[in-house]
Amino acid sequence: MKILLDTHVWLWSISQPDRLGPGANQLLASLSTQVYLSAVSSWEITIKWRLGKLKLPGRPDALVQDSLTTNNFLNLDISHRHSCAVGDLPAHHGDPFDRLLVAQAVTEKLVFLTADKPLLAYPVSTFWAFD
């Protein structure tokens, strides 16, 4: 299975894995799962960290690199195709980071691992983080 991590799920997976359900933790631990971390998430945490709205155990750039290396997460860059796909999404959620993550999941045919209920309304395959 190929999954895309929602930003909060990514942060929980590396700092508070007990917040995730056993199914989500098993999915993340499976050798057959390809786990993608989007540049959207690094952009989001960097902005929130810089504004003082998010505490991190270190600088965002180090956290991202460590996640990619230590957890074997795959990098997903932001493309124009992803950005334009946001325009095809209904207005279920106002957060631009979340909308871009959903657009990436749809465009790349990835299962979106999230704990954000409003995102379940989008036409994207999801895995509930508390399962």
C-alpha atoms as a PDB file:
ATOM      1  CA  MET A   1       0.000   0.000   0.000  1.00  0.00           C
ATOM      2  CA  LYS A   2       1.157   3.537  -0.730  1.00  0.00           C
ATOM      3  CA  ILE A   3       0.141   6.117   1.863  1.00  0.00           C
ATOM      4  CA  LEU A   4       0.529   9.849   2.316  1.00  0.00           C
ATOM      5  CA  LEU A   5       0.810  11.120   5.871  1.00  0.00           C
ATOM      6  CA  ASP A   6      -1.279  14.046   7.029  1.00  0.00           C
ATOM      7  CA  THR A   7       1.006  16.486   8.850  1.00  0.00           C
ATOM      8  CA  HIS A   8      -0.320  15.805  12.340  1.00  0.00           C
ATOM      9  CA  VAL A   9      -0.171  12.047  11.753  1.00  0.00           C
ATOM     10  CA  TRP A  10       3.457  12.382  10.675  1.00  0.00           C
ATOM     11  CA  LEU A  11       4.329  14.345  13.825  1.00  0.00           C
ATOM     12  CA  TRP A  12       2.517  11.832  16.037  1.00  0.00           C
ATOM     13  CA  SER A  13       4.195   8.900  14.271  1.00  0.00           C
ATOM     14  CA  ILE A  14       7.649  10.193  15.192  1.00  0.00           C
ATOM     15  CA  SER A  15       6.978  11.697  18.613  1.00  0.00           C
ATOM     16  CA  GLN A  16       3.770  10.177  20.051  1.00  0.00           C
ATOM     17  CA  PRO A  17       3.015   6.914  18.196  1.00  0.00           C
ATOM     18  CA  ASP A  18       0.654   5.870  21.012  1.00  0.00           C
ATOM     19  CA  ARG A  19      -1.782   8.558  19.778  1.00  0.00           C
ATOM     20  CA  LEU A  20      -2.279   6.490  16.624  1.00  0.00           C
ATOM     21  CA  GLY A  21      -4.451   3.408  16.547  1.00  0.00           C
ATOM     22  CA  PRO A  22      -2.953  -0.078  16.308  1.00  0.00           C
ATOM     23  CA  GLY A  23      -3.976  -0.397  12.639  1.00  0.00           C
ATOM     24  CA  ALA A  24      -2.231   2.848  11.724  1.00  0.00           C
ATOM     25  CA  ASN A  25       0.911   1.868  13.627  1.00  0.00           C
ATOM     26  CA  GLN A  26       0.891  -1.553  11.984  1.00  0.00           C
ATOM     27  CA  LEU A  27       0.474   0.058   8.569  1.00  0.00           C
ATOM     28  CA  LEU A  28       3.417   2.376   9.217  1.00  0.00           C
ATOM     29  CA  ALA A  29       5.586  -0.499  10.450  1.00  0.00           C
ATOM     30  CA  SER A  30       4.799  -2.824   7.545  1.00  0.00           C
ATOM     31  CA  LEU A  31       7.660  -3.383   5.112  1.00  0.00           C
ATOM     32  CA  SER A  32       5.132  -3.541   2.287  1.00  0.00           C
ATOM     33  CA  THR A  33       3.860  -0.011   2.966  1.00  0.00           C
ATOM     34  CA  GLN A  34       5.398   2.872   1.054  1.00  0.00           C
ATOM     35  CA  VAL A  35       5.023   5.939   3.277  1.00  0.00           C
ATOM     36  CA  TYR A  36       5.214   9.362   1.647  1.00  0.00           C
ATOM     37  CA  LEU A  37       5.997  12.602   3.442  1.00  0.00           C
ATOM     38  CA  SER A  38       4.981  15.644   1.463  1.00  0.00           C
ATOM     39  CA  ALA A  39       6.875  18.896   1.155  1.00  0.00           C
ATOM     40  CA  VAL A  40       3.499  20.406   2.100  1.00  0.00           C
ATOM     41  CA  SER A  41       4.013  19.070   5.630  1.00  0.00           C
ATOM     42  CA  SER A  42       7.516  20.502   5.965  1.00  0.00           C
ATOM     43  CA  TRP A  43       6.224  23.840   4.659  1.00  0.00           C
ATOM     44  CA  GLU A  44       3.340  23.774   7.160  1.00  0.00           C
ATOM     45  CA  ILE A  45       5.442  22.913  10.213  1.00  0.00           C
ATOM     46  CA  THR A  46       8.133  25.421   9.281  1.00  0.00           C
ATOM     47  CA  ILE A  47       5.613  28.256   9.072  1.00  0.00           C
ATOM     48  CA  LYS A  48       3.899  27.269  12.331  1.00  0.00           C
ATOM     49  CA  TRP A  49       7.251  26.716  14.091  1.00  0.00           C
ATOM     50  CA  ARG A  50       8.559  30.109  12.945  1.00  0.00           C
ATOM     51  CA  LEU A  51       5.375  31.833  14.172  1.00  0.00           C
ATOM     52  CA  GLY A  52       5.712  30.112  17.557  1.00  0.00           C
ATOM     53  CA  LYS A  53       2.501  28.096  17.061  1.00  0.00           C
ATOM     54  CA  LEU A  54       4.251  24.720  17.018  1.00  0.00           C
ATOM     55  CA  LYS A  55       6.923  23.363  19.318  1.00  0.00           C
ATOM     56  CA  LEU A  56       9.309  20.889  17.743  1.00  0.00           C
ATOM     57  CA  PRO A  57      12.190  18.869  19.186  1.00  0.00           C
ATOM     58  CA  GLY A  58      14.551  20.675  16.808  1.00  0.00           C
ATOM     59  CA  ARG A  59      14.687  22.655  13.614  1.00  0.00           C
ATOM     60  CA  PRO A  60      12.143  21.625  10.955  1.00  0.00           C
ATOM     61  CA  ASP A  61      14.810  20.874   8.339  1.00  0.00           C
ATOM     62  CA  ALA A  62      16.571  18.424  10.660  1.00  0.00           C
ATOM     63  CA  LEU A  63      13.272  16.818  11.682  1.00  0.00           C
ATOM     64  CA  VAL A  64      12.253  16.268   8.067  1.00  0.00           C
ATOM     65  CA  GLN A  65      15.611  14.826   7.048  1.00  0.00           C
ATOM     66  CA  ASP A  66      15.660  12.549  10.082  1.00  0.00           C
ATOM     67  CA  SER A  67      12.131  11.318   9.281  1.00  0.00           C
ATOM     68  CA  LEU A  68      13.025  10.547   5.695  1.00  0.00           C
ATOM     69  CA  THR A  69      16.206   8.710   6.682  1.00  0.00           C
ATOM     70  CA  THR A  70      15.299   6.969   9.942  1.00  0.00           C
ATOM     71  CA  ASN A  71      11.769   5.926   8.997  1.00  0.00           C
ATOM     72  CA  ASN A  72      12.442   5.291   5.306  1.00  0.00           C
ATOM     73  CA  PHE A  73       9.710   7.742   4.377  1.00  0.00           C
ATOM     74  CA  LEU A  74       9.603   8.710   0.722  1.00  0.00           C
ATOM     75  CA  ASN A  75       9.745  12.342  -0.345  1.00  0.00           C
ATOM     76  CA  LEU A  76       6.798  13.827  -2.229  1.00  0.00           C
ATOM     77  CA  ASP A  77       7.543  17.198  -3.791  1.00  0.00           C
ATOM     78  CA  ILE A  78       4.837  19.712  -4.708  1.00  0.00           C
ATOM     79  CA  SER A  79       4.145  19.947  -8.440  1.00  0.00           C
ATOM     80  CA  HIS A  80       2.057  22.303 -10.541  1.00  0.00           C
ATOM     81  CA  ARG A  81      -0.255  19.361 -11.201  1.00  0.00           C
ATOM     82  CA  HIS A  82      -0.830  19.025  -7.435  1.00  0.00           C
ATOM     83  CA  SER A  83      -1.421  22.743  -7.007  1.00  0.00           C
ATOM     84  CA  CYS A  84      -3.916  22.920  -9.846  1.00  0.00           C
ATOM     85  CA  ALA A  85      -5.766  19.816  -8.598  1.00  0.00           C
ATOM     86  CA  VAL A  86      -6.785  21.815  -5.499  1.00  0.00           C
ATOM     87  CA  GLY A  87      -9.165  23.700  -7.798  1.00  0.00           C
ATOM     88  CA  ASP A  88     -11.093  20.491  -8.464  1.00  0.00           C
ATOM     89  CA  LEU A  89     -11.788  19.831  -4.783  1.00  0.00           C
ATOM     90  CA  PRO A  90     -15.065  20.804  -3.114  1.00  0.00           C
ATOM     91  CA  ALA A  91     -14.776  23.362  -0.300  1.00  0.00           C
ATOM     92  CA  HIS A  92     -15.108  20.884   2.590  1.00  0.00           C
ATOM     93  CA  HIS A  93     -12.039  22.221   4.377  1.00  0.00           C
ATOM     94  CA  GLY A  94     -10.535  25.705   4.442  1.00  0.00           C
ATOM     95  CA  ASP A  95      -6.952  24.864   5.405  1.00  0.00           C
ATOM     96  CA  PRO A  96      -4.757  25.277   2.295  1.00  0.00           C
ATOM     97  CA  PHE A  97      -2.156  22.797   3.566  1.00  0.00           C
ATOM     98  CA  ASP A  98      -4.764  20.077   4.051  1.00  0.00           C
ATOM     99  CA  ARG A  99      -6.368  20.790   0.704  1.00  0.00           C
ATOM    100  CA  LEU A 100      -3.011  20.487  -1.055  1.00  0.00           C
ATOM    101  CA  LEU A 101      -2.251  17.219   0.757  1.00  0.00           C
ATOM    102  CA  VAL A 102      -5.616  15.829  -0.364  1.00  0.00           C
ATOM    103  CA  ALA A 103      -4.924  16.972  -3.933  1.00  0.00           C
ATOM    104  CA  GLN A 104      -1.578  15.179  -3.824  1.00  0.00           C
ATOM    105  CA  ALA A 105      -3.167  11.983  -2.510  1.00  0.00           C
ATOM    106  CA  VAL A 106      -5.815  12.089  -5.240  1.00  0.00           C
ATOM    107  CA  THR A 107      -3.356  12.919  -8.016  1.00  0.00           C
ATOM    108  CA  GLU A 108      -0.776  10.319  -6.976  1.00  0.00           C
ATOM    109  CA  LYS A 109      -3.406   7.679  -6.056  1.00  0.00           C
ATOM    110  CA  LEU A 110      -2.170   7.434  -2.480  1.00  0.00           C
ATOM    111  CA  VAL A 111      -4.160   6.433   0.594  1.00  0.00           C
ATOM    112  CA  PHE A 112      -4.340   9.454   2.890  1.00  0.00           C
ATOM    113  CA  LEU A 113      -3.612   8.644   6.549  1.00  0.00           C
ATOM    114  CA  THR A 114      -5.414  11.292   8.599  1.00  0.00           C
ATOM    115  CA  ALA A 115      -7.192  12.011  11.871  1.00  0.00           C
ATOM    116  CA  ASP A 116      -8.982  15.090  10.531  1.00  0.00           C
ATOM    117  CA  LYS A 117     -12.673  14.193  10.124  1.00  0.00           C
ATOM    118  CA  PRO A 118     -13.606  16.951   7.629  1.00  0.00           C
ATOM    119  CA  LEU A 119     -11.016  15.515   5.227  1.00  0.00           C
ATOM    120  CA  LEU A 120     -12.969  12.262   5.047  1.00  0.00           C
ATOM    121  CA  ALA A 121     -15.561  14.092   2.914  1.00  0.00           C
ATOM    122  CA  TYR A 122     -13.111  14.398   0.021  1.00  0.00           C
ATOM    123  CA  PRO A 123     -13.027  11.925  -2.867  1.00  0.00           C
ATOM    124  CA  VAL A 124      -9.785  10.342  -1.673  1.00  0.00           C
ATOM    125  CA  SER A 125      -8.991   6.914  -0.319  1.00  0.00           C
ATOM    126  CA  THR A 126      -8.329   7.338   3.409  1.00  0.00           C
ATOM    127  CA  PHE A 127      -7.127   5.347   6.377  1.00  0.00           C
ATOM    128  CA  TRP A 128      -8.367   6.611   9.732  1.00  0.00           C
ATOM    129  CA  ALA A 129      -5.409   7.228  12.060  1.00  0.00           C
ATOM    130  CA  PHE A 130      -7.240   5.942  15.137  1.00  0.00           C
ATOM    131  CA  ASP A 131      -8.007   2.514  13.634  1.00  0.00           C
END
